Amino acid sequence: MATTDEIDRTWSLMQDIGFCMLSTRTGDNIRARPMSAHVEPMENAIYFLTDARSAKDAEIETKPHVGLAFSDPSGQKYVSVSGTAEVSNDRDQIRELWSTPAKAWWDSAEDPDIRVLKVTPEFAEYWDSPGTVVSYIKMMAAAVTNTRPDLGDNVKVQM
């Protein structure tokens, strides 16, 4: 069982990284695409703006279990999330989530094709290292001393 600190760290890492790859299932295949995440720990939810014309909405309707992969390679921080997704046309929430990056895809929050994609996490795993330089130093020291390096935390979290 994960501690409160580990659960909080999971949410913090997702918020800090901000972008993830959203993976859905289409038939027997898995498809991933980059998404800008709006992380809401108090709601146990991760929100995205999506387009009703995209394939992901249909894929989620058929198979709502999705994966999210947050990655900060320069900081050696990663989070993998498994959860259940749902798509809604909540216009108030769309306006609330509207931000500058969304303008790359739509002219305004009033675009009728915008939808809210909500992912409710069920399970997460994170890798939290002290950073690239420190990790490389620890790996070199471990190679010289014939030991395993301590590269930070790897924690599994039931959400």
N, C-alpha and C. Protein backbone atom coordinates (compact mmCIF):
# COMPACT_ATOMS: atom_id res chain seq x y z
N MET A 1 0.84 -1.19 0.00
CA MET A 1 0.00 0.00 0.00
C MET A 1 0.89 1.25 0.00
N ALA A 2 0.59 2.14 -0.89
CA ALA A 2 1.37 3.38 -1.01
C ALA A 2 1.06 4.32 0.15
N THR A 3 2.06 5.08 0.52
CA THR A 3 1.87 6.08 1.57
C THR A 3 1.27 7.35 0.97
N THR A 4 0.76 8.21 1.82
CA THR A 4 0.22 9.49 1.38
C THR A 4 1.29 10.30 0.66
N ASP A 5 2.52 10.26 1.18
CA ASP A 5 3.63 10.99 0.53
C ASP A 5 3.90 10.46 -0.88
N GLU A 6 3.81 9.14 -1.06
CA GLU A 6 4.05 8.56 -2.38
C GLU A 6 2.93 8.93 -3.36
N ILE A 7 1.70 8.94 -2.88
CA ILE A 7 0.58 9.36 -3.73
C ILE A 7 0.73 10.83 -4.09
N ASP A 8 1.06 11.66 -3.09
CA ASP A 8 1.28 13.09 -3.35
C ASP A 8 2.42 13.31 -4.35
N ARG A 9 3.48 12.51 -4.23
CA ARG A 9 4.62 12.65 -5.14
C ARG A 9 4.21 12.28 -6.57
N THR A 10 3.36 11.28 -6.71
CA THR A 10 2.86 10.89 -8.02
C THR A 10 2.14 12.05 -8.69
N TRP A 11 1.23 12.68 -7.95
CA TRP A 11 0.48 13.83 -8.48
C TRP A 11 1.43 14.99 -8.79
N SER A 12 2.38 15.23 -7.91
CA SER A 12 3.32 16.33 -8.10
C SER A 12 4.16 16.14 -9.36
N LEU A 13 4.64 14.94 -9.57
CA LEU A 13 5.43 14.65 -10.77
C LEU A 13 4.60 14.88 -12.03
N MET A 14 3.34 14.41 -12.03
CA MET A 14 2.49 14.60 -13.20
C MET A 14 2.27 16.08 -13.47
N GLN A 15 2.02 16.86 -12.40
CA GLN A 15 1.81 18.29 -12.56
C GLN A 15 3.07 18.98 -13.10
N ASP A 16 4.21 18.62 -12.55
CA ASP A 16 5.47 19.24 -12.97
C ASP A 16 5.81 18.93 -14.43
N ILE A 17 5.58 17.71 -14.85
CA ILE A 17 5.91 17.32 -16.22
C ILE A 17 4.91 17.92 -17.21
N GLY A 18 3.62 17.82 -16.90
CA GLY A 18 2.60 18.53 -17.66
C GLY A 18 2.13 17.91 -18.96
N PHE A 19 2.99 17.24 -19.68
CA PHE A 19 2.61 16.60 -20.94
C PHE A 19 2.80 15.10 -20.80
N CYS A 20 1.99 14.34 -21.53
CA CYS A 20 2.13 12.89 -21.48
C CYS A 20 1.75 12.30 -22.83
N MET A 21 2.02 11.03 -22.96
CA MET A 21 1.53 10.26 -24.10
C MET A 21 0.30 9.51 -23.61
N LEU A 22 -0.83 9.71 -24.28
CA LEU A 22 -2.08 9.02 -23.98
C LEU A 22 -2.17 7.82 -24.90
N SER A 23 -2.29 6.62 -24.32
CA SER A 23 -2.39 5.39 -25.12
C SER A 23 -3.80 4.84 -25.02
N THR A 24 -4.37 4.55 -26.20
CA THR A 24 -5.69 3.93 -26.30
C THR A 24 -5.55 2.65 -27.11
N ARG A 25 -6.63 1.88 -27.12
CA ARG A 25 -6.62 0.64 -27.90
C ARG A 25 -7.51 0.80 -29.11
N THR A 26 -7.02 0.33 -30.22
CA THR A 26 -7.81 0.29 -31.45
C THR A 26 -7.65 -1.11 -32.02
N GLY A 27 -8.68 -1.92 -31.86
CA GLY A 27 -8.57 -3.33 -32.22
C GLY A 27 -7.54 -4.00 -31.32
N ASP A 28 -6.59 -4.68 -31.93
CA ASP A 28 -5.52 -5.33 -31.17
C ASP A 28 -4.30 -4.44 -30.99
N ASN A 29 -4.36 -3.24 -31.52
CA ASN A 29 -3.21 -2.33 -31.48
C ASN A 29 -3.36 -1.29 -30.38
N ILE A 30 -2.22 -0.74 -29.98
CA ILE A 30 -2.18 0.35 -29.01
C ILE A 30 -1.67 1.58 -29.74
N ARG A 31 -2.34 2.69 -29.54
CA ARG A 31 -1.97 3.93 -30.22
C ARG A 31 -1.72 5.00 -29.16
N ALA A 32 -0.63 5.75 -29.30
CA ALA A 32 -0.29 6.80 -28.34
C ALA A 32 -0.13 8.13 -29.06
N ARG A 33 -0.51 9.19 -28.34
CA ARG A 33 -0.32 10.53 -28.88
C ARG A 33 -0.06 11.50 -27.73
N PRO A 34 0.71 12.58 -28.00
CA PRO A 34 1.03 13.54 -26.94
C PRO A 34 -0.18 14.40 -26.59
N MET A 35 -0.32 14.67 -25.29
CA MET A 35 -1.44 15.47 -24.80
C MET A 35 -0.96 16.38 -23.67
N SER A 36 -1.60 17.53 -23.56
CA SER A 36 -1.33 18.47 -22.47
C SER A 36 -2.29 18.15 -21.32
N ALA A 37 -1.74 17.80 -20.17
CA ALA A 37 -2.54 17.32 -19.04
C ALA A 37 -2.88 18.45 -18.07
N HIS A 38 -4.12 18.44 -17.60
CA HIS A 38 -4.57 19.31 -16.52
C HIS A 38 -4.79 18.38 -15.32
N VAL A 39 -3.84 18.38 -14.40
CA VAL A 39 -3.83 17.42 -13.29
C VAL A 39 -4.58 18.01 -12.11
N GLU A 40 -5.57 17.27 -11.60
CA GLU A 40 -6.40 17.72 -10.48
C GLU A 40 -6.42 16.66 -9.38
N PRO A 41 -5.42 16.68 -8.49
CA PRO A 41 -5.35 15.65 -7.43
C PRO A 41 -6.58 15.60 -6.53
N MET A 42 -7.16 16.76 -6.22
CA MET A 42 -8.31 16.78 -5.31
C MET A 42 -9.54 16.10 -5.93
N GLU A 43 -9.56 16.02 -7.24
CA GLU A 43 -10.67 15.36 -7.95
C GLU A 43 -10.30 13.94 -8.38
N ASN A 44 -9.08 13.52 -8.07
CA ASN A 44 -8.56 12.24 -8.54
C ASN A 44 -8.78 12.10 -10.04
N ALA A 45 -8.36 13.16 -10.78
CA ALA A 45 -8.62 13.18 -12.21
C ALA A 45 -7.51 13.91 -12.97
N ILE A 46 -7.34 13.50 -14.20
CA ILE A 46 -6.45 14.18 -15.14
C ILE A 46 -7.32 14.50 -16.35
N TYR A 47 -7.36 15.79 -16.69
CA TYR A 47 -8.21 16.25 -17.78
C TYR A 47 -7.40 16.66 -18.99
N PHE A 48 -8.01 16.52 -20.15
CA PHE A 48 -7.43 16.93 -21.41
C PHE A 48 -8.53 17.57 -22.25
N LEU A 49 -8.15 18.49 -23.12
CA LEU A 49 -9.07 18.93 -24.15
C LEU A 49 -8.81 18.07 -25.37
N THR A 50 -9.87 17.62 -26.01
CA THR A 50 -9.75 16.75 -27.17
C THR A 50 -10.75 17.18 -28.23
N ASP A 51 -10.64 16.63 -29.40
CA ASP A 51 -11.50 17.01 -30.51
C ASP A 51 -12.47 15.87 -30.81
N ALA A 52 -13.74 16.21 -30.90
CA ALA A 52 -14.78 15.20 -31.14
C ALA A 52 -14.56 14.45 -32.46
N ARG A 53 -13.82 15.05 -33.37
CA ARG A 53 -13.58 14.42 -34.68
C ARG A 53 -12.41 13.45 -34.66
N SER A 54 -11.73 13.32 -33.52
CA SER A 54 -10.53 12.47 -33.47
C SER A 54 -10.90 11.01 -33.21
N ALA A 55 -10.00 10.14 -33.60
CA ALA A 55 -10.22 8.70 -33.41
C ALA A 55 -10.18 8.31 -31.94
N LYS A 56 -9.43 9.06 -31.13
CA LYS A 56 -9.27 8.65 -29.73
C LYS A 56 -10.60 8.62 -28.98
N ASP A 57 -11.51 9.54 -29.32
CA ASP A 57 -12.80 9.56 -28.63
C ASP A 57 -13.59 8.27 -28.89
N ALA A 58 -13.59 7.83 -30.14
CA ALA A 58 -14.27 6.57 -30.49
C ALA A 58 -13.56 5.38 -29.84
N GLU A 59 -12.23 5.41 -29.81
CA GLU A 59 -11.47 4.32 -29.20
C GLU A 59 -11.79 4.23 -27.71
N ILE A 60 -11.90 5.37 -27.04
CA ILE A 60 -12.20 5.39 -25.60
C ILE A 60 -13.61 4.90 -25.33
N GLU A 61 -14.54 5.27 -26.21
CA GLU A 61 -15.92 4.82 -26.03
C GLU A 61 -16.00 3.29 -26.09
N THR A 62 -15.19 2.69 -26.97
CA THR A 62 -15.18 1.23 -27.12
C THR A 62 -14.38 0.55 -26.02
N LYS A 63 -13.21 1.11 -25.71
CA LYS A 63 -12.31 0.52 -24.70
C LYS A 63 -11.80 1.65 -23.81
N PRO A 64 -12.47 1.90 -22.68
CA PRO A 64 -12.14 3.08 -21.86
C PRO A 64 -10.87 2.98 -21.01
N HIS A 65 -10.25 1.82 -20.94
CA HIS A 65 -9.01 1.70 -20.17
C HIS A 65 -7.86 2.27 -20.99
N VAL A 66 -7.15 3.24 -20.41
CA VAL A 66 -6.08 3.94 -21.12
C VAL A 66 -4.80 3.95 -20.29
N GLY A 67 -3.72 4.33 -20.94
CA GLY A 67 -2.44 4.50 -20.27
C GLY A 67 -1.92 5.91 -20.53
N LEU A 68 -1.27 6.48 -19.53
CA LEU A 68 -0.63 7.79 -19.65
C LEU A 68 0.84 7.60 -19.30
N ALA A 69 1.72 8.16 -20.10
CA ALA A 69 3.16 8.08 -19.84
C ALA A 69 3.73 9.50 -19.79
N PHE A 70 4.05 9.97 -18.58
CA PHE A 70 4.67 11.27 -18.36
C PHE A 70 6.18 11.06 -18.35
N SER A 71 6.93 11.95 -19.01
CA SER A 71 8.37 11.73 -19.13
C SER A 71 9.14 13.04 -19.08
N ASP A 72 10.11 13.09 -18.17
CA ASP A 72 11.06 14.21 -18.10
C ASP A 72 12.46 13.60 -18.12
N PRO A 73 12.97 13.27 -19.32
CA PRO A 73 14.27 12.61 -19.40
C PRO A 73 15.42 13.44 -18.84
N SER A 74 15.37 14.76 -18.99
CA SER A 74 16.47 15.57 -18.48
C SER A 74 16.54 15.53 -16.96
N GLY A 75 15.40 15.40 -16.31
CA GLY A 75 15.38 15.30 -14.85
C GLY A 75 15.32 13.87 -14.35
N GLN A 76 15.26 12.91 -15.28
CA GLN A 76 15.17 11.49 -14.93
C GLN A 76 13.95 11.22 -14.06
N LYS A 77 12.78 11.76 -14.49
CA LYS A 77 11.52 11.58 -13.76
C LYS A 77 10.47 11.08 -14.73
N TYR A 78 9.79 10.01 -14.32
CA TYR A 78 8.81 9.37 -15.19
C TYR A 78 7.62 8.90 -14.36
N VAL A 79 6.42 8.95 -14.97
CA VAL A 79 5.21 8.44 -14.32
C VAL A 79 4.40 7.69 -15.36
N SER A 80 3.98 6.49 -15.01
CA SER A 80 3.09 5.70 -15.85
C SER A 80 1.77 5.54 -15.09
N VAL A 81 0.66 5.82 -15.77
CA VAL A 81 -0.66 5.77 -15.14
C VAL A 81 -1.57 4.87 -15.95
N SER A 82 -2.31 4.01 -15.26
CA SER A 82 -3.38 3.23 -15.88
C SER A 82 -4.68 3.73 -15.30
N GLY A 83 -5.67 3.94 -16.16
CA GLY A 83 -6.92 4.47 -15.66
C GLY A 83 -8.06 4.27 -16.63
N THR A 84 -9.20 4.84 -16.26
CA THR A 84 -10.40 4.76 -17.07
C THR A 84 -10.72 6.15 -17.59
N ALA A 85 -11.02 6.23 -18.88
CA ALA A 85 -11.28 7.51 -19.52
C ALA A 85 -12.75 7.64 -19.91
N GLU A 86 -13.19 8.89 -19.93
CA GLU A 86 -14.53 9.20 -20.42
C GLU A 86 -14.48 10.57 -21.09
N VAL A 87 -15.32 10.74 -22.11
CA VAL A 87 -15.37 11.98 -22.87
C VAL A 87 -16.70 12.66 -22.58
N SER A 88 -16.64 13.99 -22.35
CA SER A 88 -17.89 14.73 -22.13
C SER A 88 -17.87 16.03 -22.93
N ASN A 89 -19.05 16.62 -23.04
CA ASN A 89 -19.22 17.89 -23.73
C ASN A 89 -19.60 18.97 -22.71
N ASP A 90 -18.95 18.97 -21.57
CA ASP A 90 -19.21 19.94 -20.51
C ASP A 90 -18.61 21.29 -20.91
N ARG A 91 -19.42 22.18 -21.43
CA ARG A 91 -18.95 23.45 -21.98
C ARG A 91 -18.32 24.34 -20.90
N ASP A 92 -18.86 24.30 -19.67
CA ASP A 92 -18.26 25.09 -18.57
C ASP A 92 -16.85 24.60 -18.27
N GLN A 93 -16.67 23.30 -18.24
CA GLN A 93 -15.35 22.76 -17.96
C GLN A 93 -14.39 23.02 -19.11
N ILE A 94 -14.87 23.00 -20.32
CA ILE A 94 -14.03 23.32 -21.48
C ILE A 94 -13.50 24.74 -21.33
N ARG A 95 -14.36 25.68 -20.97
CA ARG A 95 -13.92 27.06 -20.78
C ARG A 95 -12.93 27.17 -19.62
N GLU A 96 -13.15 26.39 -18.57
CA GLU A 96 -12.25 26.39 -17.41
C GLU A 96 -10.87 25.85 -17.78
N LEU A 97 -10.80 24.83 -18.64
CA LEU A 97 -9.53 24.21 -19.03
C LEU A 97 -8.84 24.94 -20.17
N TRP A 98 -9.53 25.85 -20.81
CA TRP A 98 -8.98 26.56 -21.96
C TRP A 98 -7.70 27.28 -21.57
N SER A 99 -6.67 27.14 -22.39
CA SER A 99 -5.38 27.78 -22.13
C SER A 99 -4.70 28.09 -23.46
N THR A 100 -3.60 28.79 -23.39
CA THR A 100 -2.88 29.18 -24.60
C THR A 100 -2.54 28.00 -25.51
N PRO A 101 -2.03 26.87 -25.00
CA PRO A 101 -1.72 25.75 -25.92
C PRO A 101 -2.93 25.27 -26.73
N ALA A 102 -4.13 25.39 -26.17
CA ALA A 102 -5.33 24.94 -26.90
C ALA A 102 -5.56 25.76 -28.16
N LYS A 103 -5.06 26.99 -28.19
CA LYS A 103 -5.24 27.85 -29.36
C LYS A 103 -4.52 27.30 -30.60
N ALA A 104 -3.62 26.39 -30.41
CA ALA A 104 -2.95 25.75 -31.55
C ALA A 104 -3.93 24.85 -32.31
N TRP A 105 -4.99 24.41 -31.64
CA TRP A 105 -5.91 23.44 -32.23
C TRP A 105 -7.29 24.03 -32.54
N TRP A 106 -7.73 24.99 -31.74
CA TRP A 106 -9.06 25.57 -31.90
C TRP A 106 -8.97 27.09 -31.78
N ASP A 107 -9.91 27.78 -32.41
CA ASP A 107 -9.91 29.25 -32.36
C ASP A 107 -10.36 29.79 -31.01
N SER A 108 -11.30 29.10 -30.37
CA SER A 108 -11.79 29.57 -29.08
C SER A 108 -12.38 28.41 -28.30
N ALA A 109 -12.64 28.65 -27.04
CA ALA A 109 -13.25 27.62 -26.18
C ALA A 109 -14.67 27.31 -26.62
N GLU A 110 -15.24 28.13 -27.47
CA GLU A 110 -16.62 27.93 -27.93
C GLU A 110 -16.69 27.00 -29.14
N ASP A 111 -15.56 26.52 -29.64
CA ASP A 111 -15.57 25.61 -30.79
C ASP A 111 -16.43 24.38 -30.44
N PRO A 112 -17.41 24.06 -31.25
CA PRO A 112 -18.33 22.96 -30.92
C PRO A 112 -17.68 21.57 -30.98
N ASP A 113 -16.47 21.47 -31.54
CA ASP A 113 -15.81 20.16 -31.63
C ASP A 113 -14.95 19.84 -30.41
N ILE A 114 -14.75 20.79 -29.50
CA ILE A 114 -13.92 20.53 -28.31
C ILE A 114 -14.71 19.67 -27.33
N ARG A 115 -14.01 18.71 -26.76
CA ARG A 115 -14.56 17.86 -25.70
C ARG A 115 -13.57 17.81 -24.55
N VAL A 116 -14.07 17.37 -23.39
CA VAL A 116 -13.23 17.14 -22.22
C VAL A 116 -13.01 15.64 -22.11
N LEU A 117 -11.76 15.27 -22.00
CA LEU A 117 -11.39 13.87 -21.75
C LEU A 117 -10.93 13.80 -20.30
N LYS A 118 -11.60 12.98 -19.52
CA LYS A 118 -11.26 12.81 -18.11
C LYS A 118 -10.70 11.41 -17.91
N VAL A 119 -9.52 11.34 -17.30
CA VAL A 119 -8.94 10.04 -16.94
C VAL A 119 -8.94 9.94 -15.42
N THR A 120 -9.55 8.89 -14.92
CA THR A 120 -9.54 8.59 -13.49
C THR A 120 -8.47 7.53 -13.27
N PRO A 121 -7.36 7.91 -12.61
CA PRO A 121 -6.27 6.94 -12.44
C PRO A 121 -6.65 5.83 -11.46
N GLU A 122 -6.20 4.63 -11.78
CA GLU A 122 -6.42 3.48 -10.91
C GLU A 122 -5.09 3.00 -10.31
N PHE A 123 -4.05 3.08 -11.12
CA PHE A 123 -2.74 2.60 -10.70
C PHE A 123 -1.68 3.47 -11.35
N ALA A 124 -0.61 3.73 -10.61
CA ALA A 124 0.50 4.51 -11.18
C ALA A 124 1.81 3.91 -10.69
N GLU A 125 2.84 4.22 -11.44
CA GLU A 125 4.20 3.86 -11.03
C GLU A 125 5.10 5.02 -11.43
N TYR A 126 5.98 5.40 -10.50
CA TYR A 126 6.89 6.48 -10.87
C TYR A 126 8.33 6.12 -10.59
N TRP A 127 9.21 6.79 -11.36
CA TRP A 127 10.64 6.69 -11.21
C TRP A 127 11.12 8.12 -10.98
N ASP A 128 11.76 8.35 -9.86
CA ASP A 128 12.14 9.70 -9.46
C ASP A 128 13.62 9.69 -9.09
N SER A 129 14.45 10.15 -10.02
CA SER A 129 15.91 10.15 -9.83
C SER A 129 16.41 11.52 -9.44
N PRO A 130 17.62 11.59 -8.94
CA PRO A 130 18.19 12.88 -8.57
C PRO A 130 18.63 13.71 -9.78
N GLY A 131 18.53 13.17 -10.98
CA GLY A 131 18.91 13.92 -12.18
C GLY A 131 19.94 13.17 -12.99
N THR A 132 20.10 13.59 -14.22
CA THR A 132 20.97 12.89 -15.17
C THR A 132 22.43 12.84 -14.72
N VAL A 133 23.00 13.97 -14.34
CA VAL A 133 24.42 14.01 -13.97
C VAL A 133 24.68 13.13 -12.76
N VAL A 134 23.87 13.28 -11.72
CA VAL A 134 24.06 12.47 -10.51
C VAL A 134 23.87 10.99 -10.83
N SER A 135 22.87 10.67 -11.65
CA SER A 135 22.63 9.27 -12.02
C SER A 135 23.83 8.68 -12.75
N TYR A 136 24.40 9.42 -13.69
CA TYR A 136 25.58 8.92 -14.42
C TYR A 136 26.77 8.72 -13.48
N ILE A 137 26.97 9.63 -12.56
CA ILE A 137 28.06 9.48 -11.59
C ILE A 137 27.85 8.23 -10.75
N LYS A 138 26.60 8.02 -10.29
CA LYS A 138 26.31 6.83 -9.49
C LYS A 138 26.50 5.55 -10.31
N MET A 139 26.14 5.58 -11.60
CA MET A 139 26.33 4.40 -12.44
C MET A 139 27.81 4.11 -12.65
N MET A 140 28.60 5.15 -12.85
CA MET A 140 30.04 4.94 -13.03
C MET A 140 30.66 4.40 -11.75
N ALA A 141 30.26 4.96 -10.61
CA ALA A 141 30.80 4.48 -9.32
C ALA A 141 30.41 3.02 -9.09
N ALA A 142 29.17 2.67 -9.44
CA ALA A 142 28.72 1.28 -9.28
C ALA A 142 29.49 0.35 -10.19
N ALA A 143 29.80 0.79 -11.40
CA ALA A 143 30.56 -0.05 -12.33
C ALA A 143 31.96 -0.31 -11.80
N VAL A 144 32.56 0.70 -11.21
CA VAL A 144 33.92 0.57 -10.67
C VAL A 144 33.93 -0.32 -9.44
N THR A 145 32.91 -0.19 -8.60
CA THR A 145 32.88 -0.95 -7.34
C THR A 145 32.14 -2.27 -7.46
N ASN A 146 31.62 -2.55 -8.68
CA ASN A 146 30.90 -3.79 -8.92
C ASN A 146 29.66 -3.92 -8.02
N THR A 147 28.94 -2.81 -7.84
CA THR A 147 27.70 -2.80 -7.05
C THR A 147 26.58 -2.24 -7.93
N ARG A 148 25.37 -2.27 -7.40
CA ARG A 148 24.23 -1.69 -8.11
C ARG A 148 24.05 -0.24 -7.65
N PRO A 149 23.80 0.67 -8.59
CA PRO A 149 23.63 2.07 -8.21
C PRO A 149 22.25 2.34 -7.61
N ASP A 150 22.18 3.29 -6.69
CA ASP A 150 20.91 3.78 -6.17
C ASP A 150 20.52 4.97 -7.02
N LEU A 151 19.56 4.76 -7.93
CA LEU A 151 19.20 5.80 -8.89
C LEU A 151 17.90 6.50 -8.52
N GLY A 152 17.51 6.43 -7.27
CA GLY A 152 16.29 7.12 -6.85
C GLY A 152 15.17 6.15 -6.54
N ASP A 153 13.96 6.69 -6.52
CA ASP A 153 12.80 5.91 -6.12
C ASP A 153 12.05 5.34 -7.32
N ASN A 154 11.59 4.12 -7.17
CA ASN A 154 10.66 3.48 -8.09
C ASN A 154 9.53 2.97 -7.23
N VAL A 155 8.35 3.59 -7.36
CA VAL A 155 7.24 3.32 -6.46
C VAL A 155 5.99 2.98 -7.25
N LYS A 156 5.27 1.94 -6.81
CA LYS A 156 3.98 1.57 -7.38
C LYS A 156 2.89 2.13 -6.45
N VAL A 157 1.88 2.79 -7.04
CA VAL A 157 0.87 3.50 -6.26
C VAL A 157 -0.52 3.11 -6.71
N GLN A 158 -1.32 2.61 -5.79
CA GLN A 158 -2.74 2.37 -6.06
C GLN A 158 -3.45 3.70 -5.88
N MET A 159 -4.09 4.17 -6.90
CA MET A 159 -4.71 5.50 -6.86
C MET A 159 -6.14 5.39 -6.40
